[in-house]
PDB file of N, CA and C in Angstrom:
ATOM      1  N   MET A   1      17.763  21.001  15.183  1.00  0.00           N
ATOM      2  CA  MET A   1      16.132  20.578  14.845  1.00  0.00           C
ATOM      3  C   MET A   1      15.602  20.242  15.783  1.00  0.00           C
ATOM      4  N   LYS A   2      14.427  21.020  15.936  1.00  0.00           N
ATOM      5  CA  LYS A   2      13.457  20.840  17.293  1.00  0.00           C
ATOM      6  C   LYS A   2      12.504  19.358  16.710  1.00  0.00           C
ATOM      7  N   THR A   3      12.604  18.919  17.822  1.00  0.00           N
ATOM      8  CA  THR A   3      12.277  17.830  18.376  1.00  0.00           C
ATOM      9  C   THR A   3      10.460  18.030  18.671  1.00  0.00           C
ATOM     10  N   LEU A   4       9.770  16.976  17.650  1.00  0.00           N
ATOM     11  CA  LEU A   4       8.437  17.182  17.766  1.00  0.00           C
ATOM     12  C   LEU A   4       7.540  16.121  18.313  1.00  0.00           C
ATOM     13  N   GLN A   5       6.251  16.338  18.980  1.00  0.00           N
ATOM     14  CA  GLN A   5       5.406  15.249  19.170  1.00  0.00           C
ATOM     15  C   GLN A   5       4.703  14.510  18.265  1.00  0.00           C
ATOM     16  N   ILE A   6       4.696  13.324  18.814  1.00  0.00           N
ATOM     17  CA  ILE A   6       4.196  12.323  17.819  1.00  0.00           C
ATOM     18  C   ILE A   6       2.569  12.477  17.220  1.00  0.00           C
ATOM     19  N   LYS A   7       1.863  13.134  18.220  1.00  0.00           N
ATOM     20  CA  LYS A   7       0.824  13.589  17.616  1.00  0.00           C
ATOM     21  C   LYS A   7       0.339  14.833  16.531  1.00  0.00           C
ATOM     22  N   ASN A   8       1.388  15.700  16.653  1.00  0.00           N
ATOM     23  CA  ASN A   8       1.300  16.613  15.846  1.00  0.00           C
ATOM     24  C   ASN A   8       2.022  16.543  14.665  1.00  0.00           C
ATOM     25  N   ILE A   9       2.893  15.108  14.519  1.00  0.00           N
ATOM     26  CA  ILE A   9       3.183  14.646  13.241  1.00  0.00           C
ATOM     27  C   ILE A   9       2.143  14.248  12.570  1.00  0.00           C
ATOM     28  N   LEU A  10       1.139  13.353  13.383  1.00  0.00           N
ATOM     29  CA  LEU A  10       0.052  12.701  12.666  1.00  0.00           C
ATOM     30  C   LEU A  10      -1.046  13.321  12.626  1.00  0.00           C
ATOM     31  N   ASP A  11      -0.896  14.801  13.182  1.00  0.00           N
ATOM     32  CA  ASP A  11      -2.465  15.475  12.884  1.00  0.00           C
ATOM     33  C   ASP A  11      -2.174  16.392  12.035  1.00  0.00           C
ATOM     34  N   ARG A  12      -1.137  16.794  11.958  1.00  0.00           N
ATOM     35  CA  ARG A  12      -0.455  17.422  10.372  1.00  0.00           C
ATOM     36  C   ARG A  12       0.491  17.021   9.916  1.00  0.00           C
ATOM     37  N   PRO A  13       0.708  16.037   9.199  1.00  0.00           N
ATOM     38  CA  PRO A  13       1.722  15.015   8.757  1.00  0.00           C
ATOM     39  C   PRO A  13       2.730  16.221   7.913  1.00  0.00           C
ATOM     40  N   PHE A  14       4.352  16.397   7.940  1.00  0.00           N
ATOM     41  CA  PHE A  14       5.343  16.834   7.540  1.00  0.00           C
ATOM     42  C   PHE A  14       6.132  16.469   6.623  1.00  0.00           C
ATOM     43  N   VAL A  15       4.991  15.848   5.790  1.00  0.00           N
ATOM     44  CA  VAL A  15       5.465  14.783   4.522  1.00  0.00           C
ATOM     45  C   VAL A  15       7.039  15.443   3.464  1.00  0.00           C
ATOM     46  N   GLY A  16       7.845  15.030   3.821  1.00  0.00           N
ATOM     47  CA  GLY A  16       9.295  15.434   2.965  1.00  0.00           C
ATOM     48  C   GLY A  16      10.094  16.471   4.031  1.00  0.00           C
ATOM     49  N   SER A  17       9.487  16.669   4.872  1.00  0.00           N
ATOM     50  CA  SER A  17      10.044  17.841   5.794  1.00  0.00           C
ATOM     51  C   SER A  17      11.474  16.116   6.861  1.00  0.00           C
ATOM     52  N   PHE A  18      12.228  17.230   7.485  1.00  0.00           N
ATOM     53  CA  PHE A  18      13.229  16.199   7.790  1.00  0.00           C
ATOM     54  C   PHE A  18      12.831  16.425   9.341  1.00  0.00           C
ATOM     55  N   LEU A  19      13.255  15.332  10.539  1.00  0.00           N
ATOM     56  CA  LEU A  19      12.190  15.468  11.650  1.00  0.00           C
ATOM     57  C   LEU A  19      13.107  14.921  12.899  1.00  0.00           C
ATOM     58  N   GLU A  20      12.924  14.985  14.196  1.00  0.00           N
ATOM     59  CA  GLU A  20      13.750  14.916  15.035  1.00  0.00           C
ATOM     60  C   GLU A  20      12.633  14.591  16.330  1.00  0.00           C
ATOM     61  N   VAL A  21      12.104  13.005  16.710  1.00  0.00           N
ATOM     62  CA  VAL A  21      11.096  12.877  17.501  1.00  0.00           C
ATOM     63  C   VAL A  21      12.079  11.645  18.874  1.00  0.00           C
ATOM     64  N   SER A  22      11.613  12.112  20.057  1.00  0.00           N
ATOM     65  CA  SER A  22      12.055  11.069  20.518  1.00  0.00           C
ATOM     66  C   SER A  22      10.906  10.418  21.769  1.00  0.00           C
ATOM     67  N   GLY A  23      11.212   8.949  22.369  1.00  0.00           N
ATOM     68  CA  GLY A  23      10.118   8.363  22.893  1.00  0.00           C
ATOM     69  C   GLY A  23      10.560   6.832  22.912  1.00  0.00           C
ATOM     70  N   TRP A  24       9.726   5.713  23.387  1.00  0.00           N
ATOM     71  CA  TRP A  24       9.759   4.499  23.526  1.00  0.00           C
ATOM     72  C   TRP A  24       9.412   4.057  22.465  1.00  0.00           C
ATOM     73  N   VAL A  25      10.160   2.547  22.319  1.00  0.00           N
ATOM     74  CA  VAL A  25       9.542   1.681  21.372  1.00  0.00           C
ATOM     75  C   VAL A  25       8.965   1.010  22.280  1.00  0.00           C
ATOM     76  N   ARG A  26       7.325   0.947  21.148  1.00  0.00           N
ATOM     77  CA  ARG A  26       6.573  -0.336  21.548  1.00  0.00           C
ATOM     78  C   ARG A  26       6.726  -1.679  20.834  1.00  0.00           C
ATOM     79  N   THR A  27       7.393  -1.780  20.168  1.00  0.00           N
ATOM     80  CA  THR A  27       7.727  -2.955  19.155  1.00  0.00           C
ATOM     81  C   THR A  27       8.469  -2.508  18.074  1.00  0.00           C
ATOM     82  N   ARG A  28       9.338  -3.720  17.734  1.00  0.00           N
ATOM     83  CA  ARG A  28      10.605  -3.979  16.371  1.00  0.00           C
ATOM     84  C   ARG A  28      10.410  -4.844  15.739  1.00  0.00           C
ATOM     85  N   ARG A  29       9.977  -4.709  14.978  1.00  0.00           N
ATOM     86  CA  ARG A  29      10.315  -5.978  14.041  1.00  0.00           C
ATOM     87  C   ARG A  29      11.510  -6.276  12.879  1.00  0.00           C
ATOM     88  N   ASP A  30      12.238  -7.067  12.782  1.00  0.00           N
ATOM     89  CA  ASP A  30      12.862  -7.209  11.529  1.00  0.00           C
ATOM     90  C   ASP A  30      12.505  -8.204   9.999  1.00  0.00           C
ATOM     91  N   SER A  31      13.278  -7.351   9.172  1.00  0.00           N
ATOM     92  CA  SER A  31      12.573  -7.954   7.669  1.00  0.00           C
ATOM     93  C   SER A  31      14.176  -7.552   7.035  1.00  0.00           C
ATOM     94  N   GLY A  32      14.937  -8.629   6.753  1.00  0.00           N
ATOM     95  CA  GLY A  32      15.945  -8.676   6.423  1.00  0.00           C
ATOM     96  C   GLY A  32      16.980  -7.489   6.831  1.00  0.00           C
ATOM     97  N   ALA A  33      17.535  -6.220   5.964  1.00  0.00           N
ATOM     98  CA  ALA A  33      18.389  -5.442   6.113  1.00  0.00           C
ATOM     99  C   ALA A  33      17.769  -4.414   6.750  1.00  0.00           C
ATOM    100  N   LEU A  34      16.012  -4.242   7.051  1.00  0.00           N
ATOM    101  CA  LEU A  34      15.115  -3.393   7.710  1.00  0.00           C
ATOM    102  C   LEU A  34      15.097  -3.762   9.093  1.00  0.00           C
ATOM    103  N   ALA A  35      14.565  -2.754   9.985  1.00  0.00           N
ATOM    104  CA  ALA A  35      13.988  -2.778  11.482  1.00  0.00           C
ATOM    105  C   ALA A  35      12.443  -1.828  11.541  1.00  0.00           C
ATOM    106  N   PHE A  36      11.481  -1.653  11.812  1.00  0.00           N
ATOM    107  CA  PHE A  36      10.401  -1.480  11.739  1.00  0.00           C
ATOM    108  C   PHE A  36      10.044  -1.565  13.345  1.00  0.00           C
ATOM    109  N   ILE A  37       9.928  -0.005  13.750  1.00  0.00           N
ATOM    110  CA  ILE A  37       9.581   0.323  14.896  1.00  0.00           C
ATOM    111  C   ILE A  37       8.832   0.928  15.343  1.00  0.00           C
ATOM    112  N   GLU A  38       7.657   0.576  16.061  1.00  0.00           N
ATOM    113  CA  GLU A  38       6.885   1.266  16.741  1.00  0.00           C
ATOM    114  C   GLU A  38       7.394   2.243  17.879  1.00  0.00           C
ATOM    115  N   LEU A  39       7.235   3.513  17.783  1.00  0.00           N
ATOM    116  CA  LEU A  39       7.768   4.466  18.635  1.00  0.00           C
ATOM    117  C   LEU A  39       6.760   5.151  19.012  1.00  0.00           C
ATOM    118  N   THR A  40       6.352   5.146  20.821  1.00  0.00           N
ATOM    119  CA  THR A  40       4.996   6.315  21.191  1.00  0.00           C
ATOM    120  C   THR A  40       6.178   7.273  22.168  1.00  0.00           C
ATOM    121  N   ASP A  41       5.150   8.524  22.307  1.00  0.00           N
ATOM    122  CA  ASP A  41       5.751   9.267  23.273  1.00  0.00           C
ATOM    123  C   ASP A  41       4.870   9.656  24.101  1.00  0.00           C
ATOM    124  N   GLY A  42       3.473   9.124  23.998  1.00  0.00           N
ATOM    125  CA  GLY A  42       3.027   9.683  25.242  1.00  0.00           C
ATOM    126  C   GLY A  42       1.949  10.962  24.797  1.00  0.00           C
ATOM    127  N   SER A  43       2.040  11.617  23.574  1.00  0.00           N
ATOM    128  CA  SER A  43       1.477  12.529  23.420  1.00  0.00           C
ATOM    129  C   SER A  43       0.013  12.303  22.474  1.00  0.00           C
ATOM    130  N   CYS A  44      -0.108  10.678  22.184  1.00  0.00           N
ATOM    131  CA  CYS A  44      -1.411  10.350  21.651  1.00  0.00           C
ATOM    132  C   CYS A  44      -1.310   8.821  21.794  1.00  0.00           C
ATOM    133  N   LEU A  45      -2.748   8.175  21.596  1.00  0.00           N
ATOM    134  CA  LEU A  45      -2.320   6.705  21.562  1.00  0.00           C
ATOM    135  C   LEU A  45      -1.924   6.350  20.508  1.00  0.00           C
ATOM    136  N   ALA A  46      -1.805   6.665  19.431  1.00  0.00           N
ATOM    137  CA  ALA A  46      -1.070   6.142  18.317  1.00  0.00           C
ATOM    138  C   ALA A  46       0.331   6.204  18.326  1.00  0.00           C
ATOM    139  N   SER A  47       1.109   5.116  17.733  1.00  0.00           N
ATOM    140  CA  SER A  47       2.762   5.635  17.645  1.00  0.00           C
ATOM    141  C   SER A  47       2.646   5.800  15.948  1.00  0.00           C
ATOM    142  N   LEU A  48       4.391   6.212  15.896  1.00  0.00           N
ATOM    143  CA  LEU A  48       4.641   6.181  14.812  1.00  0.00           C
ATOM    144  C   LEU A  48       5.741   5.204  13.824  1.00  0.00           C
ATOM    145  N   GLN A  49       5.616   4.525  13.143  1.00  0.00           N
ATOM    146  CA  GLN A  49       6.585   4.161  12.213  1.00  0.00           C
ATOM    147  C   GLN A  49       7.497   4.362  12.032  1.00  0.00           C
ATOM    148  N   VAL A  50       8.599   3.835  12.797  1.00  0.00           N
ATOM    149  CA  VAL A  50      10.209   4.452  12.323  1.00  0.00           C
ATOM    150  C   VAL A  50      10.983   3.295  11.370  1.00  0.00           C
ATOM    151  N   VAL A  51      11.380   3.564  10.441  1.00  0.00           N
ATOM    152  CA  VAL A  51      11.793   2.401   9.635  1.00  0.00           C
ATOM    153  C   VAL A  51      13.381   2.787   9.320  1.00  0.00           C
ATOM    154  N   ALA A  52      14.499   1.512   9.989  1.00  0.00           N
ATOM    155  CA  ALA A  52      16.027   1.816   9.813  1.00  0.00           C
ATOM    156  C   ALA A  52      16.705   0.929   9.169  1.00  0.00           C
ATOM    157  N   ASP A  53      17.501   1.406   8.361  1.00  0.00           N
ATOM    158  CA  ASP A  53      18.237   0.181   7.738  1.00  0.00           C
ATOM    159  C   ASP A  53      19.611   0.045   8.074  1.00  0.00           C
ATOM    160  N   ALA A  54      20.448  -1.217   7.560  1.00  0.00           N
ATOM    161  CA  ALA A  54      21.583  -1.539   7.404  1.00  0.00           C
ATOM    162  C   ALA A  54      22.545  -0.524   7.678  1.00  0.00           C
ATOM    163  N   SER A  55      22.373   0.300   6.998  1.00  0.00           N
ATOM    164  CA  SER A  55      23.412   1.536   6.538  1.00  0.00           C
ATOM    165  C   SER A  55      23.911   2.035   7.722  1.00  0.00           C
ATOM    166  N   LEU A  56      22.775   2.410   8.630  1.00  0.00           N
ATOM    167  CA  LEU A  56      23.170   2.838   9.803  1.00  0.00           C
ATOM    168  C   LEU A  56      24.238   2.762  10.682  1.00  0.00           C
ATOM    169  N   ASP A  57      24.989   3.133  11.183  1.00  0.00           N
ATOM    170  CA  ASP A  57      26.129   2.928  11.850  1.00  0.00           C
ATOM    171  C   ASP A  57      26.253   1.490  12.810  1.00  0.00           C
ATOM    172  N   ASN A  58      25.157   1.988  14.145  1.00  0.00           N
ATOM    173  CA  ASN A  58      24.779   1.395  15.062  1.00  0.00           C
ATOM    174  C   ASN A  58      23.697   0.440  14.940  1.00  0.00           C
ATOM    175  N   PHE A  59      23.062  -0.040  13.573  1.00  0.00           N
ATOM    176  CA  PHE A  59      21.938  -0.946  13.275  1.00  0.00           C
ATOM    177  C   PHE A  59      21.950  -2.564  13.973  1.00  0.00           C
ATOM    178  N   SER A  60      23.398  -3.323  13.526  1.00  0.00           N
ATOM    179  CA  SER A  60      23.699  -4.292  14.285  1.00  0.00           C
ATOM    180  C   SER A  60      23.863  -4.162  15.706  1.00  0.00           C
ATOM    181  N   SER A  61      24.751  -3.049  16.257  1.00  0.00           N
ATOM    182  CA  SER A  61      25.130  -3.550  17.816  1.00  0.00           C
ATOM    183  C   SER A  61      24.427  -2.941  18.636  1.00  0.00           C
ATOM    184  N   GLU A  62      22.889  -1.846  18.308  1.00  0.00           N
ATOM    185  CA  GLU A  62      21.716  -1.461  18.964  1.00  0.00           C
ATOM    186  C   GLU A  62      20.317  -1.627  18.204  1.00  0.00           C
ATOM    187  N   ILE A  63      20.624  -1.376  17.091  1.00  0.00           N
ATOM    188  CA  ILE A  63      19.404  -0.928  16.733  1.00  0.00           C
ATOM    189  C   ILE A  63      18.663  -2.078  16.796  1.00  0.00           C
ATOM    190  N   LYS A  64      19.023  -3.853  16.226  1.00  0.00           N
ATOM    191  CA  LYS A  64      18.785  -5.073  16.546  1.00  0.00           C
ATOM    192  C   LYS A  64      18.248  -5.455  17.812  1.00  0.00           C
ATOM    193  N   LYS A  65      18.815  -5.087  18.404  1.00  0.00           N
ATOM    194  CA  LYS A  65      18.657  -5.171  20.058  1.00  0.00           C
ATOM    195  C   LYS A  65      17.479  -4.271  21.171  1.00  0.00           C
ATOM    196  N   LEU A  66      17.137  -3.446  19.923  1.00  0.00           N
ATOM    197  CA  LEU A  66      15.834  -2.616  20.842  1.00  0.00           C
ATOM    198  C   LEU A  66      15.019  -3.257  21.419  1.00  0.00           C
ATOM    199  N   GLY A  67      14.268  -3.394  22.263  1.00  0.00           N
ATOM    200  CA  GLY A  67      12.931  -4.133  22.718  1.00  0.00           C
ATOM    201  C   GLY A  67      11.954  -3.202  23.191  1.00  0.00           C
ATOM    202  N   ALA A  68      10.909  -3.453  23.985  1.00  0.00           N
ATOM    203  CA  ALA A  68      10.006  -2.755  24.526  1.00  0.00           C
ATOM    204  C   ALA A  68       9.949  -1.551  25.387  1.00  0.00           C
ATOM    205  N   GLY A  69      10.017  -0.349  25.485  1.00  0.00           N
ATOM    206  CA  GLY A  69      10.208   0.397  26.630  1.00  0.00           C
ATOM    207  C   GLY A  69      11.767   1.048  26.648  1.00  0.00           C
ATOM    208  N   CYS A  70      12.454   0.606  25.466  1.00  0.00           N
ATOM    209  CA  CYS A  70      13.819   1.282  25.263  1.00  0.00           C
ATOM    210  C   CYS A  70      13.546   3.207  24.829  1.00  0.00           C
ATOM    211  N   ALA A  71      14.293   3.511  25.082  1.00  0.00           N
ATOM    212  CA  ALA A  71      13.921   5.127  24.989  1.00  0.00           C
ATOM    213  C   ALA A  71      15.027   5.279  23.752  1.00  0.00           C
ATOM    214  N   VAL A  72      14.769   6.254  22.437  1.00  0.00           N
ATOM    215  CA  VAL A  72      15.284   6.782  21.598  1.00  0.00           C
ATOM    216  C   VAL A  72      15.132   7.938  20.958  1.00  0.00           C
ATOM    217  N   ARG A  73      15.665   8.586  20.655  1.00  0.00           N
ATOM    218  CA  ARG A  73      15.600   9.769  19.761  1.00  0.00           C
ATOM    219  C   ARG A  73      16.357   9.547  18.157  1.00  0.00           C
ATOM    220  N   VAL A  74      14.894   9.632  17.487  1.00  0.00           N
ATOM    221  CA  VAL A  74      15.401   9.663  15.978  1.00  0.00           C
ATOM    222  C   VAL A  74      14.798  10.565  14.921  1.00  0.00           C
ATOM    223  N   SER A  75      16.090  11.122  13.887  1.00  0.00           N
ATOM    224  CA  SER A  75      16.043  12.429  12.784  1.00  0.00           C
ATOM    225  C   SER A  75      15.811  11.161  12.100  1.00  0.00           C
ATOM    226  N   GLY A  76      15.200  11.885  11.019  1.00  0.00           N
ATOM    227  CA  GLY A  76      15.176  11.411   9.233  1.00  0.00           C
ATOM    228  C   GLY A  76      13.768  12.189   8.955  1.00  0.00           C
ATOM    229  N   GLU A  77      13.591  11.343   7.345  1.00  0.00           N
ATOM    230  CA  GLU A  77      12.713  12.053   6.910  1.00  0.00           C
ATOM    231  C   GLU A  77      11.354  11.019   6.921  1.00  0.00           C
ATOM    232  N   LEU A  78      10.304  12.383   7.070  1.00  0.00           N
ATOM    233  CA  LEU A  78       8.821  11.678   7.075  1.00  0.00           C
ATOM    234  C   LEU A  78       8.415  11.421   5.789  1.00  0.00           C
ATOM    235  N   VAL A  79       7.891  10.283   5.208  1.00  0.00           N
ATOM    236  CA  VAL A  79       7.563   9.972   4.367  1.00  0.00           C
ATOM    237  C   VAL A  79       6.210   9.105   4.274  1.00  0.00           C
ATOM    238  N   ASP A  80       5.208   9.659   2.752  1.00  0.00           N
ATOM    239  CA  ASP A  80       4.037   8.582   2.671  1.00  0.00           C
ATOM    240  C   ASP A  80       4.049   7.111   2.846  1.00  0.00           C
ATOM    241  N   SER A  81       3.740   6.570   3.631  1.00  0.00           N
ATOM    242  CA  SER A  81       3.722   4.958   3.457  1.00  0.00           C
ATOM    243  C   SER A  81       3.159   4.270   2.697  1.00  0.00           C
ATOM    244  N   PRO A  82       4.199   3.226   2.227  1.00  0.00           N
ATOM    245  CA  PRO A  82       3.749   2.206   1.246  1.00  0.00           C
ATOM    246  C   PRO A  82       2.573   1.025   1.624  1.00  0.00           C
ATOM    247  N   ALA A  83       2.886   1.130   2.970  1.00  0.00           N
ATOM    248  CA  ALA A  83       1.959  -0.202   3.445  1.00  0.00           C
ATOM    249  C   ALA A  83       0.797   0.274   3.968  1.00  0.00           C
ATOM    250  N   LYS A  84      -0.353  -0.372   4.209  1.00  0.00           N
ATOM    251  CA  LYS A  84      -1.401  -0.528   5.207  1.00  0.00           C
ATOM    252  C   LYS A  84      -0.900   0.085   6.473  1.00  0.00           C
ATOM    253  N   GLY A  85      -2.124   0.373   7.113  1.00  0.00           N
ATOM    254  CA  GLY A  85      -1.772   0.828   8.649  1.00  0.00           C
ATOM    255  C   GLY A  85      -1.384   1.747   8.971  1.00  0.00           C
ATOM    256  N   GLN A  86      -0.719   2.798   8.379  1.00  0.00           N
ATOM    257  CA  GLN A  86      -0.487   4.034   8.751  1.00  0.00           C
ATOM    258  C   GLN A  86      -0.083   4.836   7.583  1.00  0.00           C
ATOM    259  N   ALA A  87      -0.384   6.207   7.364  1.00  0.00           N
ATOM    260  CA  ALA A  87       0.080   7.214   6.593  1.00  0.00           C
ATOM    261  C   ALA A  87       1.312   7.425   6.297  1.00  0.00           C
ATOM    262  N   VAL A  88       1.895   7.667   7.541  1.00  0.00           N
ATOM    263  CA  VAL A  88       3.072   8.442   6.983  1.00  0.00           C
ATOM    264  C   VAL A  88       4.217   7.195   7.655  1.00  0.00           C
ATOM    265  N   GLU A  89       5.465   7.436   7.597  1.00  0.00           N
ATOM    266  CA  GLU A  89       6.389   6.323   8.508  1.00  0.00           C
ATOM    267  C   GLU A  89       7.910   7.221   8.507  1.00  0.00           C
ATOM    268  N   LEU A  90       8.580   7.340   9.353  1.00  0.00           N
ATOM    269  CA  LEU A  90      10.109   7.978   9.347  1.00  0.00           C
ATOM    270  C   LEU A  90      10.866   7.435   8.641  1.00  0.00           C
ATOM    271  N   HIS A  91      11.734   7.296   7.880  1.00  0.00           N
ATOM    272  CA  HIS A  91      12.991   6.985   7.641  1.00  0.00           C
ATOM    273  C   HIS A  91      14.368   7.381   7.957  1.00  0.00           C
ATOM    274  N   SER A  92      14.481   6.496   9.292  1.00  0.00           N
ATOM    275  CA  SER A  92      15.528   7.097  10.383  1.00  0.00           C
ATOM    276  C   SER A  92      16.867   7.476   9.468  1.00  0.00           C
ATOM    277  N   LYS A  93      17.586   8.846   9.689  1.00  0.00           N
ATOM    278  CA  LYS A  93      18.921   9.166   9.045  1.00  0.00           C
ATOM    279  C   LYS A  93      19.755   8.473  10.443  1.00  0.00           C
ATOM    280  N   LYS A  94      19.483   9.056  11.569  1.00  0.00           N
ATOM    281  CA  LYS A  94      20.645   8.649  13.090  1.00  0.00           C
ATOM    282  C   LYS A  94      19.116   8.045  13.886  1.00  0.00           C
ATOM    283  N   LEU A  95      19.466   7.100  14.464  1.00  0.00           N
ATOM    284  CA  LEU A  95      18.650   6.538  15.677  1.00  0.00           C
ATOM    285  C   LEU A  95      19.942   6.742  17.341  1.00  0.00           C
ATOM    286  N   GLU A  96      19.366   7.272  17.939  1.00  0.00           N
ATOM    287  CA  GLU A  96      20.268   7.404  19.179  1.00  0.00           C
ATOM    288  C   GLU A  96      19.337   6.445  20.599  1.00  0.00           C
ATOM    289  N   VAL A  97      20.342   6.028  21.431  1.00  0.00           N
ATOM    290  CA  VAL A  97      19.216   4.957  22.384  1.00  0.00           C
ATOM    291  C   VAL A  97      19.846   5.912  23.561  1.00  0.00           C
ATOM    292  N   ILE A  98      18.735   6.431  24.218  1.00  0.00           N
ATOM    293  CA  ILE A  98      18.969   7.353  24.942  1.00  0.00           C
ATOM    294  C   ILE A  98      19.296   6.285  26.273  1.00  0.00           C
ATOM    295  N   GLY A  99      18.313   5.149  26.548  1.00  0.00           N
ATOM    296  CA  GLY A  99      18.151   4.098  27.464  1.00  0.00           C
ATOM    297  C   GLY A  99      17.526   2.875  27.434  1.00  0.00           C
ATOM    298  N   TRP A 100      18.202   1.984  28.027  1.00  0.00           N
ATOM    299  CA  TRP A 100      17.805   0.784  27.953  1.00  0.00           C
ATOM    300  C   TRP A 100      16.597  -0.087  28.413  1.00  0.00           C
ATOM    301  N   ALA A 101      15.769  -0.643  27.931  1.00  0.00           N
ATOM    302  CA  ALA A 101      14.975  -1.341  29.013  1.00  0.00           C
ATOM    303  C   ALA A 101      14.933  -2.809  28.892  1.00  0.00           C
ATOM    304  N   ASP A 102      15.854  -3.353  30.070  1.00  0.00           N
ATOM    305  CA  ASP A 102      16.390  -4.881  30.080  1.00  0.00           C
ATOM    306  C   ASP A 102      14.907  -5.666  30.500  1.00  0.00           C
ATOM    307  N   PRO A 103      14.414  -6.374  29.087  1.00  0.00           N
ATOM    308  CA  PRO A 103      13.379  -6.913  29.769  1.00  0.00           C
ATOM    309  C   PRO A 103      13.034  -8.373  30.580  1.00  0.00           C
ATOM    310  N   ALA A 104      14.336  -8.343  31.215  1.00  0.00           N
ATOM    311  CA  ALA A 104      14.111  -9.544  32.178  1.00  0.00           C
ATOM    312  C   ALA A 104      13.588  -8.587  33.475  1.00  0.00           C
ATOM    313  N   THR A 105      13.885  -7.368  33.161  1.00  0.00           N
ATOM    314  CA  THR A 105      13.128  -6.386  35.168  1.00  0.00           C
ATOM    315  C   THR A 105      12.332  -5.605  34.397  1.00  0.00           C
ATOM    316  N   TYR A 106      12.194  -5.031  33.260  1.00  0.00           N
ATOM    317  CA  TYR A 106      11.333  -4.288  32.945  1.00  0.00           C
ATOM    318  C   TYR A 106       9.874  -4.882  33.429  1.00  0.00           C
TER     319      TYR A 106
END
């Protein structure tokens, strides 16, 4: 699977496609069994919302501990977003932490 830049995903949404994107966590917020991650890769000022759910193997051990600056690689399906604020979101099927950013020293 080819890794795409967020700029290209947002400029020409590939809704319904399975994509891979790498970048840095801007923010993460949790809502029950879901984590909403704003991901940036430096290709544009906008970020891509990634939705990760508790069915992922590393949800409790890694995803719930992500903070600003952590580097991740995400693969999943790009879908139309039901929420305001973004046109599309990536529903994660796999989220790999490439590097941690310790908030005490970051």
